[in-house]
Amino acid sequence: MKKAIVVLAVALALPTSIALAKGTPGAHGKSNPMVMYVLKGTLSNYTAATSDTVDGSISITVTHSNFHSSLKGQTLTFATTMKTRVNFPNGATTITDGAKGVLKFKAPLHRKGDATLAATLTTGAKALHIIDKAQS
């Protein structure tokens, strides 16, 4: 009888411990998914990251966004890392100010109409892929 009570107590405690081990609720689940933002526009102020601990940066004046049209016309600055992929045209080694291009980064999906959208997206987001179209 005592063994049955112990087994029952363990069986009831197990689902609770598994539920608590899943992590912070709402971090990046279905209610707050991470998405890939794709911004097109004019690139400027590019500096490459110099090491794993020293980030670079790039600015983009947005002409098109796949999620929020409210970003159009805004200039956003993102950190670049050693893992940021950069595609240069025709053997170039740097991005010239005024070049047309594409910048991709991941961030949580935000609601349209968020007044602090630009600041929220650039805080902590790092450029994953930069494509220099070289049309100034």
C-alpha atoms as a PDB file:
ATOM      1  CA  MET A   1       0.000   0.000   0.000  1.00  0.00           C
ATOM      2  CA  LYS A   2       2.831   2.395   0.901  1.00  0.00           C
ATOM      3  CA  LYS A   3       4.565   1.671  -2.420  1.00  0.00           C
ATOM      4  CA  ALA A   4       1.377   2.538  -4.302  1.00  0.00           C
ATOM      5  CA  ILE A   5       1.149   5.909  -2.515  1.00  0.00           C
ATOM      6  CA  VAL A   6       4.802   6.712  -3.320  1.00  0.00           C
ATOM      7  CA  VAL A   7       4.311   5.756  -6.989  1.00  0.00           C
ATOM      8  CA  LEU A   8       1.162   7.876  -7.159  1.00  0.00           C
ATOM      9  CA  ALA A   9       2.933  10.887  -5.573  1.00  0.00           C
ATOM     10  CA  VAL A  10       5.834  10.622  -8.053  1.00  0.00           C
ATOM     11  CA  ALA A  11       3.431  10.284 -10.983  1.00  0.00           C
ATOM     12  CA  LEU A  12       1.566  13.426  -9.933  1.00  0.00           C
ATOM     13  CA  ALA A  13       4.783  15.428  -9.364  1.00  0.00           C
ATOM     14  CA  LEU A  14       6.350  14.515 -12.725  1.00  0.00           C
ATOM     15  CA  PRO A  15       4.053  16.568 -15.048  1.00  0.00           C
ATOM     16  CA  THR A  16       4.498  19.634 -12.802  1.00  0.00           C
ATOM     17  CA  SER A  17       8.299  19.445 -12.936  1.00  0.00           C
ATOM     18  CA  ILE A  18       8.241  19.007 -16.719  1.00  0.00           C
ATOM     19  CA  ALA A  19       5.924  21.999 -17.153  1.00  0.00           C
ATOM     20  CA  LEU A  20       8.192  24.194 -15.013  1.00  0.00           C
ATOM     21  CA  ALA A  21      11.306  23.095 -16.924  1.00  0.00           C
ATOM     22  CA  LYS A  22      10.028  24.448 -20.255  1.00  0.00           C
ATOM     23  CA  GLY A  23      11.300  27.972 -19.524  1.00  0.00           C
ATOM     24  CA  THR A  24       9.837  31.441 -19.452  1.00  0.00           C
ATOM     25  CA  PRO A  25       6.305  31.526 -20.816  1.00  0.00           C
ATOM     26  CA  GLY A  26       5.788  33.820 -23.803  1.00  0.00           C
ATOM     27  CA  ALA A  27       9.506  34.314 -24.511  1.00  0.00           C
ATOM     28  CA  HIS A  28       9.338  33.291 -28.181  1.00  0.00           C
ATOM     29  CA  GLY A  29       6.387  30.969 -28.485  1.00  0.00           C
ATOM     30  CA  LYS A  30       3.375  31.210 -30.731  1.00  0.00           C
ATOM     31  CA  SER A  31       2.298  34.424 -29.013  1.00  0.00           C
ATOM     32  CA  ASN A  32       5.648  36.148 -29.659  1.00  0.00           C
ATOM     33  CA  PRO A  33       7.399  34.424 -32.584  1.00  0.00           C
ATOM     34  CA  MET A  34      10.829  35.346 -33.914  1.00  0.00           C
ATOM     35  CA  VAL A  35      10.616  36.400 -37.555  1.00  0.00           C
ATOM     36  CA  MET A  36      13.074  37.395 -40.280  1.00  0.00           C
ATOM     37  CA  TYR A  37      12.764  41.067 -41.165  1.00  0.00           C
ATOM     38  CA  VAL A  38      13.946  42.055 -44.645  1.00  0.00           C
ATOM     39  CA  LEU A  39      14.640  45.751 -45.165  1.00  0.00           C
ATOM     40  CA  LYS A  40      15.489  47.311 -48.518  1.00  0.00           C
ATOM     41  CA  GLY A  41      16.964  50.763 -48.846  1.00  0.00           C
ATOM     42  CA  THR A  42      20.096  52.909 -48.868  1.00  0.00           C
ATOM     43  CA  LEU A  43      23.090  51.648 -46.881  1.00  0.00           C
ATOM     44  CA  SER A  44      25.587  53.881 -45.069  1.00  0.00           C
ATOM     45  CA  ASN A  45      28.175  54.074 -42.268  1.00  0.00           C
ATOM     46  CA  TYR A  46      29.288  50.438 -42.612  1.00  0.00           C
ATOM     47  CA  THR A  47      32.002  49.192 -40.291  1.00  0.00           C
ATOM     48  CA  ALA A  48      32.813  45.513 -40.100  1.00  0.00           C
ATOM     49  CA  ALA A  49      33.163  43.724 -36.777  1.00  0.00           C
ATOM     50  CA  THR A  50      36.827  43.400 -35.849  1.00  0.00           C
ATOM     51  CA  SER A  51      36.538  40.432 -33.459  1.00  0.00           C
ATOM     52  CA  ASP A  52      34.002  38.262 -31.654  1.00  0.00           C
ATOM     53  CA  THR A  53      33.841  40.870 -28.887  1.00  0.00           C
ATOM     54  CA  VAL A  54      33.917  44.087 -30.946  1.00  0.00           C
ATOM     55  CA  ASP A  55      30.839  44.642 -33.110  1.00  0.00           C
ATOM     56  CA  GLY A  56      30.674  46.854 -36.166  1.00  0.00           C
ATOM     57  CA  SER A  57      27.583  48.673 -37.437  1.00  0.00           C
ATOM     58  CA  ILE A  58      25.576  49.642 -40.495  1.00  0.00           C
ATOM     59  CA  SER A  59      22.744  52.073 -41.140  1.00  0.00           C
ATOM     60  CA  ILE A  60      19.912  51.677 -43.622  1.00  0.00           C
ATOM     61  CA  THR A  61      17.381  54.252 -44.742  1.00  0.00           C
ATOM     62  CA  VAL A  62      14.368  52.033 -45.334  1.00  0.00           C
ATOM     63  CA  THR A  63      12.421  52.157 -48.607  1.00  0.00           C
ATOM     64  CA  HIS A  64      10.628  48.812 -48.125  1.00  0.00           C
ATOM     65  CA  SER A  65       9.997  46.385 -45.249  1.00  0.00           C
ATOM     66  CA  ASN A  66       8.392  42.951 -45.359  1.00  0.00           C
ATOM     67  CA  PHE A  67       6.455  43.498 -42.103  1.00  0.00           C
ATOM     68  CA  HIS A  68       5.980  47.180 -41.262  1.00  0.00           C
ATOM     69  CA  SER A  69       5.433  49.934 -43.807  1.00  0.00           C
ATOM     70  CA  SER A  70       5.794  52.429 -40.930  1.00  0.00           C
ATOM     71  CA  LEU A  71       9.570  51.871 -41.134  1.00  0.00           C
ATOM     72  CA  LYS A  72       9.656  53.457 -44.608  1.00  0.00           C
ATOM     73  CA  GLY A  73      11.768  56.623 -44.604  1.00  0.00           C
ATOM     74  CA  GLN A  74      13.408  55.885 -41.256  1.00  0.00           C
ATOM     75  CA  THR A  75      17.147  55.394 -40.825  1.00  0.00           C
ATOM     76  CA  LEU A  76      17.906  52.402 -38.603  1.00  0.00           C
ATOM     77  CA  THR A  77      21.319  51.331 -37.289  1.00  0.00           C
ATOM     78  CA  PHE A  78      22.189  47.697 -36.581  1.00  0.00           C
ATOM     79  CA  ALA A  79      25.205  45.981 -35.079  1.00  0.00           C
ATOM     80  CA  THR A  80      27.261  43.688 -37.300  1.00  0.00           C
ATOM     81  CA  THR A  81      29.188  40.687 -35.991  1.00  0.00           C
ATOM     82  CA  MET A  82      31.836  38.323 -37.291  1.00  0.00           C
ATOM     83  CA  LYS A  83      28.928  36.038 -38.292  1.00  0.00           C
ATOM     84  CA  THR A  84      27.136  38.692 -40.379  1.00  0.00           C
ATOM     85  CA  ARG A  85      27.151  37.576 -44.025  1.00  0.00           C
ATOM     86  CA  VAL A  86      28.003  40.397 -46.423  1.00  0.00           C
ATOM     87  CA  ASN A  87      27.659  40.083 -50.192  1.00  0.00           C
ATOM     88  CA  PHE A  88      29.745  42.606 -52.109  1.00  0.00           C
ATOM     89  CA  PRO A  89      29.308  43.156 -55.853  1.00  0.00           C
ATOM     90  CA  ASN A  90      32.118  42.652 -58.367  1.00  0.00           C
ATOM     91  CA  GLY A  91      34.948  41.971 -55.897  1.00  0.00           C
ATOM     92  CA  ALA A  92      34.386  45.033 -53.714  1.00  0.00           C
ATOM     93  CA  THR A  93      35.527  44.822 -50.090  1.00  0.00           C
ATOM     94  CA  THR A  94      33.439  47.539 -48.455  1.00  0.00           C
ATOM     95  CA  ILE A  95      30.009  49.116 -48.698  1.00  0.00           C
ATOM     96  CA  THR A  96      30.031  52.679 -49.966  1.00  0.00           C
ATOM     97  CA  ASP A  97      27.662  55.222 -48.457  1.00  0.00           C
ATOM     98  CA  GLY A  98      24.566  55.623 -50.613  1.00  0.00           C
ATOM     99  CA  ALA A  99      24.641  52.098 -52.035  1.00  0.00           C
ATOM    100  CA  LYS A 100      21.281  50.385 -52.454  1.00  0.00           C
ATOM    101  CA  GLY A 101      20.987  47.149 -50.550  1.00  0.00           C
ATOM    102  CA  VAL A 102      19.133  44.670 -48.386  1.00  0.00           C
ATOM    103  CA  LEU A 103      19.541  44.030 -44.665  1.00  0.00           C
ATOM    104  CA  LYS A 104      18.122  40.956 -42.902  1.00  0.00           C
ATOM    105  CA  PHE A 105      17.767  40.427 -39.153  1.00  0.00           C
ATOM    106  CA  LYS A 106      15.659  38.394 -36.731  1.00  0.00           C
ATOM    107  CA  ALA A 107      13.508  39.907 -33.996  1.00  0.00           C
ATOM    108  CA  PRO A 108      10.200  39.221 -32.289  1.00  0.00           C
ATOM    109  CA  LEU A 109       7.167  40.068 -34.403  1.00  0.00           C
ATOM    110  CA  HIS A 110       5.742  43.436 -33.332  1.00  0.00           C
ATOM    111  CA  ARG A 111       2.245  44.782 -33.702  1.00  0.00           C
ATOM    112  CA  LYS A 112       1.607  47.339 -36.383  1.00  0.00           C
ATOM    113  CA  GLY A 113       1.194  50.851 -35.084  1.00  0.00           C
ATOM    114  CA  ASP A 114       3.773  50.449 -32.285  1.00  0.00           C
ATOM    115  CA  ALA A 115       5.125  53.987 -31.752  1.00  0.00           C
ATOM    116  CA  THR A 116       8.492  52.698 -30.540  1.00  0.00           C
ATOM    117  CA  LEU A 117       8.870  50.089 -33.285  1.00  0.00           C
ATOM    118  CA  ALA A 118      12.148  51.362 -34.779  1.00  0.00           C
ATOM    119  CA  ALA A 119      13.857  51.638 -31.398  1.00  0.00           C
ATOM    120  CA  THR A 120      12.526  48.254 -30.287  1.00  0.00           C
ATOM    121  CA  LEU A 121      13.730  46.475 -33.435  1.00  0.00           C
ATOM    122  CA  THR A 122      17.257  47.893 -33.383  1.00  0.00           C
ATOM    123  CA  THR A 123      17.805  47.259 -29.660  1.00  0.00           C
ATOM    124  CA  GLY A 124      19.624  43.963 -29.440  1.00  0.00           C
ATOM    125  CA  ALA A 125      19.009  42.979 -33.072  1.00  0.00           C
ATOM    126  CA  LYS A 126      22.107  42.218 -35.103  1.00  0.00           C
ATOM    127  CA  ALA A 127      22.341  42.168 -38.877  1.00  0.00           C
ATOM    128  CA  LEU A 128      22.458  38.582 -40.133  1.00  0.00           C
ATOM    129  CA  HIS A 129      22.878  39.260 -43.854  1.00  0.00           C
ATOM    130  CA  ILE A 130      23.742  42.398 -45.829  1.00  0.00           C
ATOM    131  CA  ILE A 131      23.511  42.490 -49.620  1.00  0.00           C
ATOM    132  CA  ASP A 132      25.183  45.442 -51.336  1.00  0.00           C
ATOM    133  CA  LYS A 133      23.497  46.145 -54.672  1.00  0.00           C
ATOM    134  CA  ALA A 134      26.142  48.837 -55.474  1.00  0.00           C
ATOM    135  CA  GLN A 135      23.720  51.258 -57.117  1.00  0.00           C
ATOM    136  CA  SER A 136      24.380  54.676 -55.650  1.00  0.00           C
END
